[in-house]
């Protein structure tokens, strides 16, 4: 099932926040003082974004429709009017029943 456009956009923006903050913020935080936990601020900035990036990626995954509530076995469940083919892709059915080949 395709992801709606607004969900895709939201998840893409959430996934881009850490990359943009990490790369785009470097010119503004490139200094030795102040130090945080005895680390130069630039190193603290980079490590901080490395630590919080998985949180943003998890939020992007959830915003994009990940974990749709399935049972987790990865099996494709055919919808009404369709029949799962050998590749697991839904194939349309003929009016008399059976899959159209």
N, C-alpha and C. Protein backbone atom coordinates (compact mmCIF):
# COMPACT_ATOMS: atom_id res chain seq x y z
N UNK A 1 0.85 -1.17 0.00
CA UNK A 1 0.00 0.00 0.00
C UNK A 1 0.90 1.24 0.00
N UNK A 2 0.67 2.18 -0.94
CA UNK A 2 1.51 3.36 -0.99
C UNK A 2 1.28 4.28 0.21
N UNK A 3 2.33 4.99 0.57
CA UNK A 3 2.26 5.93 1.68
C UNK A 3 1.68 7.24 1.16
N UNK A 4 0.70 7.85 1.85
CA UNK A 4 0.17 9.14 1.41
C UNK A 4 1.28 10.19 1.35
N UNK A 5 1.11 11.16 0.46
CA UNK A 5 2.13 12.17 0.20
C UNK A 5 2.51 12.95 1.46
N UNK A 6 1.52 13.36 2.26
CA UNK A 6 1.84 14.16 3.45
C UNK A 6 2.61 13.35 4.48
N UNK A 7 2.36 12.05 4.56
CA UNK A 7 3.11 11.21 5.50
C UNK A 7 4.55 11.04 5.03
N UNK A 8 4.72 10.88 3.72
CA UNK A 8 6.07 10.76 3.17
C UNK A 8 6.86 12.04 3.42
N UNK A 9 6.24 13.19 3.17
CA UNK A 9 6.90 14.47 3.37
C UNK A 9 7.29 14.66 4.83
N UNK A 10 6.38 14.33 5.74
CA UNK A 10 6.66 14.48 7.16
C UNK A 10 7.82 13.57 7.58
N UNK A 11 7.82 12.34 7.12
CA UNK A 11 8.89 11.43 7.51
C UNK A 11 10.22 11.86 6.90
N UNK A 12 10.20 12.37 5.67
CA UNK A 12 11.44 12.84 5.04
C UNK A 12 12.00 14.03 5.80
N UNK A 13 11.14 14.96 6.19
CA UNK A 13 11.61 16.12 6.95
C UNK A 13 12.19 15.71 8.30
N UNK A 14 11.54 14.78 8.96
CA UNK A 14 12.06 14.31 10.25
C UNK A 14 13.42 13.63 10.08
N UNK A 15 13.59 12.91 9.00
CA UNK A 15 14.86 12.22 8.77
C UNK A 15 15.97 13.19 8.37
N UNK A 16 15.61 14.32 7.76
CA UNK A 16 16.62 15.29 7.33
C UNK A 16 17.07 16.24 8.44
N UNK A 17 16.30 16.36 9.50
CA UNK A 17 16.65 17.29 10.59
C UNK A 17 18.05 17.01 11.14
N UNK A 18 18.38 15.76 11.53
CA UNK A 18 19.73 15.55 12.08
C UNK A 18 20.84 15.85 11.07
N UNK A 19 20.66 15.47 9.82
CA UNK A 19 21.70 15.71 8.83
C UNK A 19 21.91 17.21 8.61
N UNK A 20 20.82 17.94 8.50
CA UNK A 20 20.94 19.39 8.29
C UNK A 20 21.53 20.08 9.52
N UNK A 21 21.11 19.67 10.70
CA UNK A 21 21.65 20.28 11.92
C UNK A 21 23.13 19.95 12.10
N UNK A 22 23.49 18.74 11.77
CA UNK A 22 24.89 18.33 11.93
C UNK A 22 25.79 19.06 10.94
N UNK A 23 25.41 19.08 9.68
CA UNK A 23 26.24 19.71 8.66
C UNK A 23 26.04 21.23 8.63
N UNK A 24 24.79 21.67 8.67
CA UNK A 24 24.52 23.10 8.57
C UNK A 24 24.93 23.88 9.81
N UNK A 25 24.97 23.23 10.94
CA UNK A 25 25.33 23.93 12.16
C UNK A 25 26.83 24.04 12.41
N UNK A 26 27.63 23.30 11.66
CA UNK A 26 29.07 23.28 11.90
C UNK A 26 29.73 24.66 11.85
N UNK A 27 29.41 25.51 10.88
CA UNK A 27 30.07 26.82 10.89
C UNK A 27 29.74 27.66 12.13
N UNK A 28 28.61 27.40 12.74
CA UNK A 28 28.20 28.19 13.90
C UNK A 28 28.74 27.65 15.22
N UNK A 29 29.11 26.38 15.24
CA UNK A 29 29.59 25.77 16.49
C UNK A 29 31.07 25.41 16.42
N UNK A 30 31.76 25.79 15.37
CA UNK A 30 33.16 25.44 15.19
C UNK A 30 34.04 26.34 16.06
N UNK A 31 34.18 25.95 17.32
CA UNK A 31 35.03 26.67 18.25
C UNK A 31 35.46 25.74 19.37
N UNK A 32 36.51 26.10 20.01
CA UNK A 32 37.02 25.27 21.10
C UNK A 32 36.37 25.61 22.43
N UNK A 33 35.98 26.84 22.60
CA UNK A 33 35.34 27.27 23.85
C UNK A 33 33.88 27.57 23.56
N UNK A 34 32.96 27.27 24.36
CA UNK A 34 33.07 26.65 25.67
C UNK A 34 33.31 25.14 25.53
N UNK A 35 33.68 24.54 26.61
CA UNK A 35 33.81 23.09 26.64
C UNK A 35 32.62 22.52 27.40
N UNK A 36 32.16 21.37 26.96
CA UNK A 36 31.05 20.68 27.60
C UNK A 36 31.55 19.28 27.94
N UNK A 37 31.49 18.93 29.21
CA UNK A 37 32.04 17.65 29.69
C UNK A 37 33.50 17.49 29.25
N UNK A 38 34.26 18.57 29.31
CA UNK A 38 35.67 18.61 28.94
C UNK A 38 35.90 18.30 27.47
N UNK A 39 34.89 18.47 26.65
CA UNK A 39 35.01 18.29 25.20
C UNK A 39 34.85 19.65 24.53
N UNK A 40 35.59 19.90 23.45
CA UNK A 40 35.32 21.12 22.69
C UNK A 40 33.86 21.12 22.21
N UNK A 41 33.29 22.31 22.11
CA UNK A 41 31.87 22.39 21.77
C UNK A 41 31.55 21.72 20.44
N UNK A 42 32.45 21.82 19.46
CA UNK A 42 32.21 21.18 18.16
C UNK A 42 32.08 19.67 18.30
N UNK A 43 32.95 19.06 19.08
CA UNK A 43 32.88 17.62 19.28
C UNK A 43 31.61 17.24 20.04
N UNK A 44 31.25 18.03 21.03
CA UNK A 44 30.01 17.78 21.76
C UNK A 44 28.80 17.88 20.82
N UNK A 45 28.79 18.87 19.93
CA UNK A 45 27.70 19.05 18.97
C UNK A 45 27.56 17.80 18.07
N UNK A 46 28.68 17.34 17.55
CA UNK A 46 28.65 16.17 16.67
C UNK A 46 28.19 14.93 17.42
N UNK A 47 28.76 14.70 18.60
CA UNK A 47 28.35 13.52 19.38
C UNK A 47 26.89 13.60 19.80
N UNK A 48 26.43 14.78 20.14
CA UNK A 48 25.03 14.95 20.51
C UNK A 48 24.08 14.57 19.39
N UNK A 49 24.40 15.00 18.17
CA UNK A 49 23.53 14.65 17.04
C UNK A 49 23.64 13.18 16.66
N UNK A 50 24.82 12.60 16.86
CA UNK A 50 24.95 11.16 16.61
C UNK A 50 24.08 10.37 17.58
N UNK A 51 23.99 10.84 18.81
CA UNK A 51 23.19 10.15 19.82
C UNK A 51 21.69 10.31 19.56
N UNK A 52 21.22 11.50 19.14
CA UNK A 52 19.78 11.71 18.98
C UNK A 52 19.26 11.34 17.58
N UNK A 53 20.15 11.09 16.62
CA UNK A 53 19.71 10.72 15.26
C UNK A 53 18.81 9.49 15.24
N UNK A 54 19.10 8.42 15.99
CA UNK A 54 18.18 7.27 15.96
C UNK A 54 16.76 7.62 16.43
N UNK A 55 16.63 8.55 17.35
CA UNK A 55 15.30 8.99 17.77
C UNK A 55 14.55 9.64 16.61
N UNK A 56 15.22 10.52 15.88
CA UNK A 56 14.58 11.17 14.73
C UNK A 56 14.24 10.15 13.65
N UNK A 57 15.10 9.17 13.43
CA UNK A 57 14.81 8.16 12.41
C UNK A 57 13.64 7.27 12.83
N UNK A 58 13.54 6.97 14.12
CA UNK A 58 12.39 6.21 14.61
C UNK A 58 11.11 7.01 14.42
N UNK A 59 11.15 8.30 14.74
CA UNK A 59 9.96 9.14 14.54
C UNK A 59 9.60 9.24 13.06
N UNK A 60 10.61 9.31 12.18
CA UNK A 60 10.35 9.36 10.74
C UNK A 60 9.72 8.05 10.27
N UNK A 61 10.21 6.94 10.81
CA UNK A 61 9.65 5.63 10.47
C UNK A 61 8.18 5.55 10.88
N UNK A 62 7.88 5.99 12.08
CA UNK A 62 6.49 5.96 12.55
C UNK A 62 5.61 6.94 11.79
N UNK A 63 6.13 8.11 11.46
CA UNK A 63 5.35 9.11 10.73
C UNK A 63 5.08 8.65 9.30
N UNK A 64 5.95 7.83 8.75
CA UNK A 64 5.79 7.35 7.38
C UNK A 64 4.91 6.14 7.26
N UNK A 65 4.33 5.67 8.35
CA UNK A 65 3.43 4.54 8.29
C UNK A 65 4.09 3.24 8.65
N UNK A 66 5.30 3.26 9.16
CA UNK A 66 5.95 2.04 9.59
C UNK A 66 5.20 1.44 10.77
N UNK A 67 5.34 0.15 10.97
CA UNK A 67 4.65 -0.55 12.05
C UNK A 67 3.15 -0.32 11.95
N UNK A 68 2.57 -0.84 10.87
CA UNK A 68 1.15 -0.63 10.60
C UNK A 68 0.24 -1.53 11.41
N UNK A 69 0.79 -2.17 12.40
CA UNK A 69 -0.05 -2.99 13.27
C UNK A 69 -0.17 -4.43 12.81
N UNK A 70 0.64 -4.83 11.83
CA UNK A 70 0.60 -6.20 11.37
C UNK A 70 1.11 -7.14 12.45
N UNK A 71 1.04 -8.44 12.17
CA UNK A 71 1.48 -9.40 13.17
C UNK A 71 2.98 -9.62 13.15
N UNK A 72 3.69 -8.94 12.24
CA UNK A 72 5.13 -8.97 12.25
C UNK A 72 5.76 -10.12 11.49
N UNK A 73 4.95 -11.00 10.85
CA UNK A 73 5.56 -12.12 10.14
C UNK A 73 5.94 -11.76 8.72
N UNK A 74 5.58 -10.56 8.26
CA UNK A 74 5.96 -10.11 6.94
C UNK A 74 5.09 -10.65 5.82
N UNK A 75 4.09 -11.45 6.15
CA UNK A 75 3.23 -12.01 5.11
C UNK A 75 2.27 -10.95 4.57
N UNK A 76 2.03 -11.02 3.27
CA UNK A 76 1.10 -10.11 2.63
C UNK A 76 -0.29 -10.71 2.70
N UNK A 77 -1.23 -9.95 3.23
CA UNK A 77 -2.60 -10.42 3.33
C UNK A 77 -3.40 -9.84 2.17
N UNK A 78 -3.96 -10.68 1.30
CA UNK A 78 -4.72 -10.16 0.16
C UNK A 78 -5.96 -9.40 0.63
N UNK A 79 -6.28 -8.35 -0.11
CA UNK A 79 -7.49 -7.59 0.16
C UNK A 79 -8.63 -8.19 -0.65
N UNK A 80 -9.84 -7.76 -0.35
CA UNK A 80 -11.00 -8.26 -1.08
C UNK A 80 -10.85 -7.94 -2.56
N UNK A 81 -11.10 -8.92 -3.40
CA UNK A 81 -11.03 -8.72 -4.84
C UNK A 81 -9.65 -8.96 -5.41
N UNK A 82 -8.72 -9.41 -4.59
CA UNK A 82 -7.37 -9.67 -5.09
C UNK A 82 -6.92 -11.03 -4.58
N UNK A 83 -5.89 -11.54 -5.20
CA UNK A 83 -5.32 -12.82 -4.80
C UNK A 83 -3.80 -12.67 -4.81
N UNK A 84 -3.14 -13.11 -3.77
CA UNK A 84 -1.69 -12.96 -3.71
C UNK A 84 -1.04 -13.90 -4.73
N UNK A 85 -0.15 -13.34 -5.54
CA UNK A 85 0.56 -14.13 -6.53
C UNK A 85 1.77 -14.80 -5.91
N UNK A 86 2.57 -15.51 -6.73
CA UNK A 86 3.73 -16.22 -6.20
C UNK A 86 4.79 -15.29 -5.61
N UNK A 87 4.79 -14.02 -6.01
CA UNK A 87 5.77 -13.08 -5.48
C UNK A 87 5.24 -12.35 -4.26
N UNK A 88 4.01 -12.62 -3.86
CA UNK A 88 3.42 -11.93 -2.73
C UNK A 88 2.75 -10.63 -3.12
N UNK A 89 2.78 -10.31 -4.42
CA UNK A 89 2.16 -9.09 -4.91
C UNK A 89 0.71 -9.40 -5.25
N UNK A 90 -0.20 -8.53 -4.84
CA UNK A 90 -1.61 -8.77 -5.11
C UNK A 90 -1.88 -8.66 -6.61
N UNK A 91 -2.58 -9.64 -7.15
CA UNK A 91 -2.98 -9.65 -8.55
C UNK A 91 -4.50 -9.50 -8.62
N UNK A 92 -5.01 -8.75 -9.58
CA UNK A 92 -6.46 -8.59 -9.68
C UNK A 92 -7.12 -9.92 -10.04
N UNK A 93 -8.34 -10.10 -9.59
CA UNK A 93 -9.07 -11.32 -9.90
C UNK A 93 -10.09 -11.09 -10.98
N UNK A 94 -10.45 -12.16 -11.69
CA UNK A 94 -11.48 -12.07 -12.72
C UNK A 94 -12.84 -12.12 -12.05
N UNK A 95 -13.87 -11.62 -12.72
CA UNK A 95 -15.21 -11.65 -12.11
C UNK A 95 -15.69 -13.06 -11.75
N UNK A 96 -15.28 -14.07 -12.51
CA UNK A 96 -15.70 -15.43 -12.23
C UNK A 96 -14.87 -16.10 -11.15
N UNK A 97 -13.91 -15.42 -10.60
CA UNK A 97 -13.04 -15.99 -9.57
C UNK A 97 -11.72 -16.39 -10.18
N UNK A 98 -10.74 -16.56 -9.37
CA UNK A 98 -9.41 -16.93 -9.83
C UNK A 98 -8.64 -15.72 -10.28
N UNK A 99 -7.35 -15.85 -10.26
CA UNK A 99 -6.49 -14.72 -10.63
C UNK A 99 -6.38 -14.61 -12.14
N UNK A 100 -6.35 -13.36 -12.63
CA UNK A 100 -6.14 -13.11 -14.05
C UNK A 100 -4.67 -13.31 -14.35
N UNK A 101 -4.35 -14.10 -15.36
CA UNK A 101 -2.94 -14.39 -15.69
C UNK A 101 -2.58 -13.84 -17.02
